[in-house]
Protein backbone atom coordinates (compact mmCIF):
# COMPACT_ATOMS: atom_id res chain seq x y z
CA MET A 1 78.01 94.44 -78.03
CA THR A 2 75.64 91.48 -78.28
CA GLU A 3 73.00 91.81 -81.00
CA HIS A 4 69.45 91.63 -79.68
CA PRO A 5 68.01 88.26 -80.86
CA ASN A 6 64.54 89.65 -81.64
CA LEU A 7 65.99 92.42 -83.83
CA THR A 8 68.15 89.91 -85.68
CA GLN A 9 65.18 87.67 -86.36
CA SER A 10 63.02 90.62 -87.44
CA ALA A 11 65.61 91.78 -89.94
CA LYS A 12 65.59 88.37 -91.59
CA GLN A 13 61.80 88.05 -91.80
CA PRO A 14 60.10 88.51 -95.18
CA ASP A 15 57.87 91.51 -95.79
CA PRO A 16 54.40 90.66 -94.43
CA ALA A 17 52.70 93.02 -96.93
CA PRO A 18 51.26 90.25 -99.19
CA VAL A 19 49.66 88.52 -96.20
CA LEU A 20 48.36 91.74 -94.70
CA ASP A 21 46.92 92.76 -98.07
CA LEU A 22 45.06 89.46 -98.42
CA ILE A 23 43.70 89.76 -94.88
CA GLN A 24 42.19 93.09 -95.92
CA ALA A 25 41.15 92.12 -99.47
CA PHE A 26 37.69 90.73 -98.71
CA ARG A 27 36.89 93.83 -96.62
CA ARG A 28 37.52 96.10 -99.61
CA SER A 29 35.37 93.88 -101.86
CA LYS A 30 32.52 93.76 -99.37
CA THR A 31 32.64 97.54 -98.93
CA MET A 32 31.99 97.98 -102.66
CA PHE A 33 29.40 95.18 -102.68
CA ALA A 34 27.47 96.78 -99.80
CA ALA A 35 27.53 100.24 -101.37
CA VAL A 36 26.17 98.86 -104.65
CA SER A 37 23.55 96.72 -102.91
CA LEU A 38 22.33 99.60 -100.73
CA GLY A 39 22.03 101.87 -103.76
CA VAL A 40 24.66 104.45 -102.82
CA PHE A 41 26.00 104.91 -106.34
CA ASP A 42 22.55 104.93 -107.94
CA LEU A 43 21.43 107.65 -105.54
CA LEU A 44 24.52 109.77 -106.21
CA ASP A 45 23.99 109.26 -109.93
CA GLN A 46 21.23 111.87 -109.46
CA GLY A 47 23.72 114.38 -108.03
CA ALA A 48 26.08 115.05 -105.13
CA SER A 49 24.57 114.80 -101.67
CA ASP A 50 25.42 115.06 -97.96
CA LEU A 51 25.52 112.28 -95.37
CA THR A 52 22.23 113.14 -93.67
CA THR A 53 20.28 113.24 -96.93
CA ILE A 54 21.81 110.01 -98.22
CA ALA A 55 21.12 108.19 -94.94
CA LYS A 56 17.50 109.39 -94.94
CA LYS A 57 16.87 108.38 -98.56
CA LEU A 58 18.48 104.97 -98.12
CA CYS A 59 16.83 104.42 -94.70
CA VAL A 60 20.12 103.50 -93.00
CA ASN A 61 21.98 104.48 -89.83
CA ALA A 62 23.86 107.73 -90.45
CA ASP A 63 26.92 106.89 -88.33
CA ALA A 64 27.33 103.50 -89.99
CA LEU A 65 26.80 105.02 -93.44
CA ASP A 66 29.44 107.65 -92.67
CA ARG A 67 32.01 104.88 -92.25
CA LEU A 68 30.94 103.21 -95.50
CA LEU A 69 31.03 106.45 -97.50
CA GLU A 70 34.44 107.46 -96.16
CA ALA A 71 35.75 103.98 -96.99
CA CYS A 72 34.43 104.39 -100.54
CA VAL A 73 36.21 107.75 -100.78
CA ALA A 74 39.45 106.11 -99.66
CA LEU A 75 38.97 103.35 -102.26
CA GLY A 76 38.54 105.91 -105.03
CA LEU A 77 34.87 105.08 -105.62
CA LEU A 78 33.50 108.38 -104.27
CA GLY A 79 34.66 111.96 -104.15
CA LYS A 80 33.97 114.38 -101.29
CA GLU A 81 34.02 118.15 -101.36
CA GLY A 82 32.37 120.61 -99.01
CA GLY A 83 30.59 117.79 -97.17
CA LEU A 84 29.01 116.51 -100.38
CA TYR A 85 29.67 113.03 -101.71
CA SER A 86 29.70 112.28 -105.44
CA ASN A 87 30.46 109.33 -107.70
CA SER A 88 33.99 109.09 -109.03
CA PRO A 89 34.27 108.55 -112.81
CA VAL A 90 34.92 104.83 -112.32
CA ALA A 91 31.85 104.47 -110.09
CA ALA A 92 29.66 106.44 -112.50
CA THR A 93 30.76 104.17 -115.35
CA TYR A 94 30.73 100.75 -113.71
CA LEU A 95 28.75 100.89 -110.45
CA THR A 96 25.50 102.67 -111.40
CA ARG A 97 22.71 100.61 -112.92
CA SER A 98 21.87 103.33 -115.44
CA SER A 99 25.29 103.18 -117.09
CA PRO A 100 25.50 101.19 -120.34
CA ASN A 101 28.82 99.81 -119.05
CA THR A 102 27.55 98.84 -115.62
CA LEU A 103 29.02 95.94 -113.68
CA ALA A 104 26.44 96.37 -110.92
CA GLY A 105 24.63 93.17 -111.90
CA TYR A 106 27.78 91.09 -111.60
CA ILE A 107 28.59 92.78 -108.28
CA LEU A 108 25.13 91.96 -106.92
CA TYR A 109 25.54 88.36 -108.08
CA SER A 110 28.97 88.28 -106.44
CA ASP A 111 27.55 89.69 -103.21
CA ARG A 112 24.44 87.53 -102.97
CA ALA A 113 25.71 84.26 -104.46
CA LEU A 114 29.48 84.03 -104.83
CA TYR A 115 30.39 85.69 -101.51
CA PRO A 116 28.37 83.19 -99.42
CA LEU A 117 29.50 80.26 -101.60
CA TRP A 118 33.16 81.16 -101.14
CA GLY A 119 32.55 80.98 -97.39
CA ASN A 120 32.37 77.21 -97.86
CA LEU A 121 35.50 76.88 -100.00
CA GLU A 122 37.16 74.48 -97.56
CA ALA A 123 34.25 72.03 -97.81
CA ALA A 124 34.31 72.33 -101.61
CA ILE A 125 37.98 71.37 -101.62
CA ARG A 126 37.40 68.43 -99.28
CA GLU A 127 34.53 67.05 -101.37
CA GLY A 128 35.29 68.42 -104.84
CA THR A 129 31.72 69.64 -105.44
CA ASN A 130 29.89 72.97 -105.58
CA ARG A 131 28.37 74.45 -102.45
CA TRP A 132 24.86 75.55 -103.49
CA GLU A 133 23.03 73.04 -101.30
CA GLN A 134 25.29 73.64 -98.30
CA THR A 135 25.06 77.42 -98.62
CA PHE A 136 21.43 77.98 -99.58
CA GLY A 137 19.73 74.66 -98.83
CA GLY A 138 17.44 72.58 -101.01
CA LYS A 139 18.17 70.52 -104.07
CA ALA A 140 17.92 71.97 -107.56
CA ALA A 141 19.56 71.78 -110.96
CA LEU A 142 22.75 73.81 -111.11
CA PHE A 143 21.53 76.95 -112.87
CA ASP A 144 18.13 76.91 -111.18
CA HIS A 145 20.01 78.47 -108.26
CA PHE A 146 21.24 81.28 -110.49
CA PHE A 147 17.78 82.01 -111.84
CA ARG A 148 15.60 81.38 -108.80
CA THR A 149 13.75 84.68 -109.41
CA ASP A 150 13.31 86.91 -112.46
CA GLU A 151 15.23 89.67 -110.66
CA ALA A 152 18.15 87.33 -109.91
CA HIS A 153 18.19 86.24 -113.54
CA ARG A 154 18.18 89.83 -114.80
CA ASP A 155 20.96 90.80 -112.38
CA PHE A 156 23.06 87.84 -113.49
CA LEU A 157 22.61 88.59 -117.20
CA SER A 158 23.24 92.29 -116.58
CA GLY A 159 26.48 91.33 -114.89
CA MET A 160 27.48 89.06 -117.77
CA HIS A 161 26.67 91.90 -120.18
CA GLY A 162 28.90 94.40 -118.39
CA PHE A 163 31.70 91.87 -118.04
CA GLY A 164 31.26 90.83 -121.68
CA GLN A 165 31.60 94.39 -122.95
CA LEU A 166 35.09 94.46 -121.45
CA SER A 167 36.09 91.26 -123.28
CA SER A 168 34.07 90.90 -126.48
CA PRO A 169 36.02 93.42 -128.62
CA ALA A 170 39.31 91.66 -127.86
CA VAL A 171 37.82 88.19 -128.42
CA ILE A 172 36.33 89.12 -131.79
CA ALA A 173 39.54 90.88 -132.85
CA ALA A 174 41.71 87.87 -131.96
CA PHE A 175 41.12 86.10 -135.30
CA ASP A 176 40.18 87.02 -138.86
CA LEU A 177 36.52 86.03 -139.25
CA THR A 178 35.99 87.67 -142.64
CA ARG A 179 35.04 84.48 -144.48
CA PHE A 180 32.17 83.54 -142.17
CA ARG A 181 28.57 84.50 -142.91
CA ARG A 182 26.32 83.25 -140.08
CA PHE A 183 27.46 83.70 -136.46
CA VAL A 184 25.39 81.99 -133.74
CA ASP A 185 26.27 82.63 -130.10
CA LEU A 186 25.21 79.64 -128.01
CA GLY A 187 24.19 80.77 -124.54
CA GLY A 188 24.68 84.30 -125.86
CA GLY A 189 22.80 86.09 -123.08
CA THR A 190 22.33 89.78 -123.86
CA GLY A 191 24.15 89.55 -127.19
CA HIS A 192 27.32 91.53 -126.50
CA LEU A 193 29.54 89.05 -128.38
CA VAL A 194 27.37 88.73 -131.49
CA LEU A 195 26.80 92.49 -131.62
CA THR A 196 30.54 93.08 -131.50
CA ALA A 197 31.10 90.50 -134.24
CA CYS A 198 28.47 92.00 -136.54
CA ALA A 199 29.77 95.52 -135.96
CA ARG A 200 33.29 94.44 -136.96
CA TYR A 201 32.08 92.33 -139.90
CA PRO A 202 29.03 94.06 -141.47
CA LYS A 203 28.32 91.15 -143.84
CA LEU A 204 27.95 88.76 -140.91
CA ARG A 205 24.44 87.66 -139.93
CA GLY A 206 24.11 87.04 -136.21
CA ALA A 207 21.87 85.07 -133.89
CA ILE A 208 21.58 84.47 -130.14
CA PHE A 209 20.56 80.99 -129.01
CA ASP A 210 19.65 80.79 -125.32
CA ILE A 211 16.97 79.66 -122.88
CA PRO A 212 13.63 81.54 -123.07
CA ASN A 213 14.22 83.76 -120.01
CA ALA A 214 17.56 84.89 -121.38
CA ILE A 215 16.04 85.62 -124.79
CA ALA A 216 13.41 87.79 -123.13
CA THR A 217 16.18 89.77 -121.41
CA ALA A 218 18.19 89.99 -124.65
CA LYS A 219 15.25 91.76 -126.31
CA SER A 220 15.54 94.61 -123.82
CA TYR A 221 19.25 95.01 -124.58
CA LEU A 222 18.83 94.84 -128.34
CA GLY A 223 16.08 97.45 -128.27
CA ASN A 224 14.09 98.15 -131.41
CA GLY A 225 16.73 96.68 -133.68
CA ALA A 226 18.34 99.98 -134.73
CA GLU A 227 21.60 98.96 -133.10
CA SER A 228 21.25 95.28 -133.95
CA PRO A 229 20.05 94.93 -137.55
CA GLY A 230 19.60 91.32 -138.57
CA ILE A 231 20.23 89.82 -135.11
CA VAL A 232 17.91 86.84 -134.67
CA LEU A 233 16.81 85.62 -131.24
CA ILE A 234 16.25 81.86 -130.92
CA ALA A 235 15.01 80.19 -127.72
CA GLY A 236 16.43 76.79 -126.91
CA ASP A 237 18.71 74.62 -124.77
CA PHE A 238 22.00 73.82 -126.47
CA PHE A 239 22.24 70.48 -124.66
CA THR A 240 18.82 69.17 -125.65
CA ASP A 241 17.52 71.13 -128.66
CA PRO A 242 18.70 71.11 -132.29
CA LEU A 243 21.22 73.85 -133.00
CA PRO A 244 20.49 76.56 -135.61
CA GLU A 245 22.34 76.70 -138.90
CA ALA A 246 25.70 78.49 -138.72
CA ASP A 247 29.16 78.44 -140.20
CA ILE A 248 30.61 79.80 -136.96
CA PHE A 249 29.31 79.13 -133.46
CA ALA A 250 30.48 80.88 -130.30
CA LEU A 251 30.63 79.71 -126.70
CA GLY A 252 31.45 82.54 -124.29
CA ARG A 253 32.02 81.58 -120.64
CA ILE A 254 30.08 78.37 -121.18
CA LEU A 255 32.58 75.51 -121.21
CA HIS A 256 34.12 76.43 -117.87
CA ASP A 257 30.78 75.72 -116.20
CA TRP A 258 30.84 72.00 -117.00
CA GLY A 259 32.78 68.78 -116.55
CA GLU A 260 34.40 66.93 -119.41
CA ASP A 261 31.43 64.64 -120.20
CA LYS A 262 29.04 67.52 -120.86
CA ILE A 263 31.71 69.47 -122.72
CA ARG A 264 32.34 66.49 -125.00
CA LEU A 265 28.61 66.20 -125.65
CA LEU A 266 28.27 69.89 -126.56
CA LEU A 267 31.43 70.09 -128.68
CA LYS A 268 30.45 67.01 -130.66
CA LYS A 269 27.01 68.48 -131.24
CA VAL A 270 28.54 71.74 -132.49
CA TRP A 271 31.01 69.90 -134.75
CA GLU A 272 28.23 67.81 -136.32
CA ARG A 273 26.12 70.91 -137.04
CA LEU A 274 28.93 72.86 -138.70
CA PRO A 275 29.65 72.61 -142.42
CA SER A 276 33.15 71.75 -143.62
CA GLY A 277 35.32 74.81 -143.01
CA GLY A 278 33.07 75.97 -140.20
CA ALA A 279 34.43 77.14 -136.87
CA LEU A 280 33.82 77.44 -133.16
CA LEU A 281 34.95 80.57 -131.30
CA ILE A 282 35.45 80.05 -127.56
CA ALA A 283 35.85 82.86 -125.02
CA GLU A 284 37.34 81.71 -121.70
CA LYS A 285 40.15 82.74 -119.38
CA LEU A 286 43.10 80.48 -120.15
CA LEU A 287 45.43 79.05 -117.55
CA ASN A 288 49.07 79.00 -118.60
CA ASP A 289 50.69 75.68 -119.52
CA LYS A 290 52.04 75.12 -115.99
CA LYS A 291 48.68 76.08 -114.41
CA SER A 292 50.61 78.56 -112.25
CA GLY A 293 48.70 81.62 -113.47
CA PRO A 294 47.47 84.09 -114.30
CA VAL A 295 46.00 84.88 -110.90
CA PRO A 296 42.52 85.89 -112.24
CA ALA A 297 42.22 82.51 -113.99
CA LEU A 298 43.23 80.65 -110.83
CA MET A 299 40.72 82.61 -108.76
CA GLN A 300 38.03 81.97 -111.37
CA SER A 301 38.80 78.26 -111.27
CA LEU A 302 38.21 78.23 -107.52
CA SER A 303 34.98 80.14 -108.11
CA MET A 304 33.91 77.46 -110.58
CA LEU A 305 34.57 74.88 -107.88
CA VAL A 306 32.17 76.44 -105.38
CA CYS A 307 29.39 77.31 -107.84
CA THR A 308 29.47 74.99 -110.90
CA GLU A 309 30.60 71.59 -112.15
CA GLY A 310 33.51 73.07 -114.08
CA LYS A 311 36.90 74.76 -113.89
CA GLU A 312 39.32 76.88 -115.91
CA ARG A 313 41.62 75.04 -118.32
CA THR A 314 44.80 75.44 -120.33
CA LEU A 315 44.83 75.82 -124.09
CA ALA A 316 46.25 72.28 -124.32
CA GLU A 317 43.28 70.91 -122.32
CA TYR A 318 40.76 72.69 -124.53
CA THR A 319 42.64 71.56 -127.63
CA GLN A 320 42.42 67.93 -126.56
CA LEU A 321 38.67 68.20 -125.98
CA LEU A 322 38.17 69.94 -129.33
CA ARG A 323 40.20 67.37 -131.24
CA GLU A 324 38.28 64.54 -129.58
CA ALA A 325 35.13 66.19 -130.96
CA GLY A 326 36.58 66.24 -134.49
CA PHE A 327 38.14 69.70 -134.83
CA THR A 328 41.54 69.44 -136.51
CA LYS A 329 42.89 72.98 -136.32
CA VAL A 330 42.87 74.79 -132.97
CA GLU A 331 44.48 78.15 -132.19
CA GLY A 332 44.42 80.12 -128.98
CA LYS A 333 45.30 83.72 -128.16
CA VAL A 334 45.77 85.51 -124.86
CA THR A 335 43.99 88.81 -125.42
CA GLY A 336 44.93 90.88 -122.39
CA ALA A 337 41.20 91.33 -121.72
CA PRO A 338 39.27 89.47 -118.98
CA LEU A 339 38.67 86.62 -121.48
CA ASP A 340 40.97 84.94 -123.99
CA ALA A 341 40.03 83.42 -127.35
CA ILE A 342 40.21 79.99 -129.02
CA LEU A 343 39.26 79.28 -132.64
CA ALA A 344 38.65 75.67 -133.71
CA ILE A 345 38.15 74.76 -137.38
CA LYS A 346 36.24 71.80 -138.83
CA GLU A 347 38.23 70.76 -141.89
């Protein structure tokens, strides 16, 4: 019997599952983005509800919403029982704005900024530059696009706060910081890193140094000071203004935004401000030595291409930049959290 040629070829073909999964991947992301943006999870945070009621309160088409809600059930973001939809535990924790662990701000930023920017990835690769002007029009300084409105700025910082809470404990635990006394987080946003550091090391005095709008937002996160005793808020631009006194500075998700020239400028400025024995703690996602992974770092590096001047780097690349600035002892640790940690010492 002659073997059918099509069956023979099919048996030798690789499993198409990885390709099929990637074809579907952006659809799953956009389903979650849309549900957050429309306020589905915030509405259900008030209690379980039926399709008709949800559609009426959100002012959306009921048939279309039915498809979105059922998709969210299938993705594990919603539960459904007796015709009533409710938030799953993961949605209640990370997708509602009222949750202290919310990632809703970062999701809104991803939906409204990153998602359109990634649509122009091919052009970014051809030209090697970010896509803000192509995507949104107009000319502006890089982070002016991020903070074009107060609401956009708050959403962005809220997203960084939620993301930071997943990483800061592991970053602070990566090294023994017992001997340090004054911890200043440069570009510290809402203060999640410095709060974690001061909680772990009660003798540590902490400060957040960031642009005025970020400092105003930080005040709302730090509250009346009961949870943040001794945390000082300092408005300034770390590129242009004098840095505060510290024996340990931190840069969390800052260096990956910039090219080497600006990184060299900032690192040298930090090194000059530190006393002998002082340190710089860096929180970034590290590429492995071969730059072949991990996948989240590679994806983040592409994201940096479309929206900043920077990229993700290996520990060796960061070490070279730090040593050029004057740091003599550099150690890096992969934390297992969304961000890894580097500690550089001025000897």
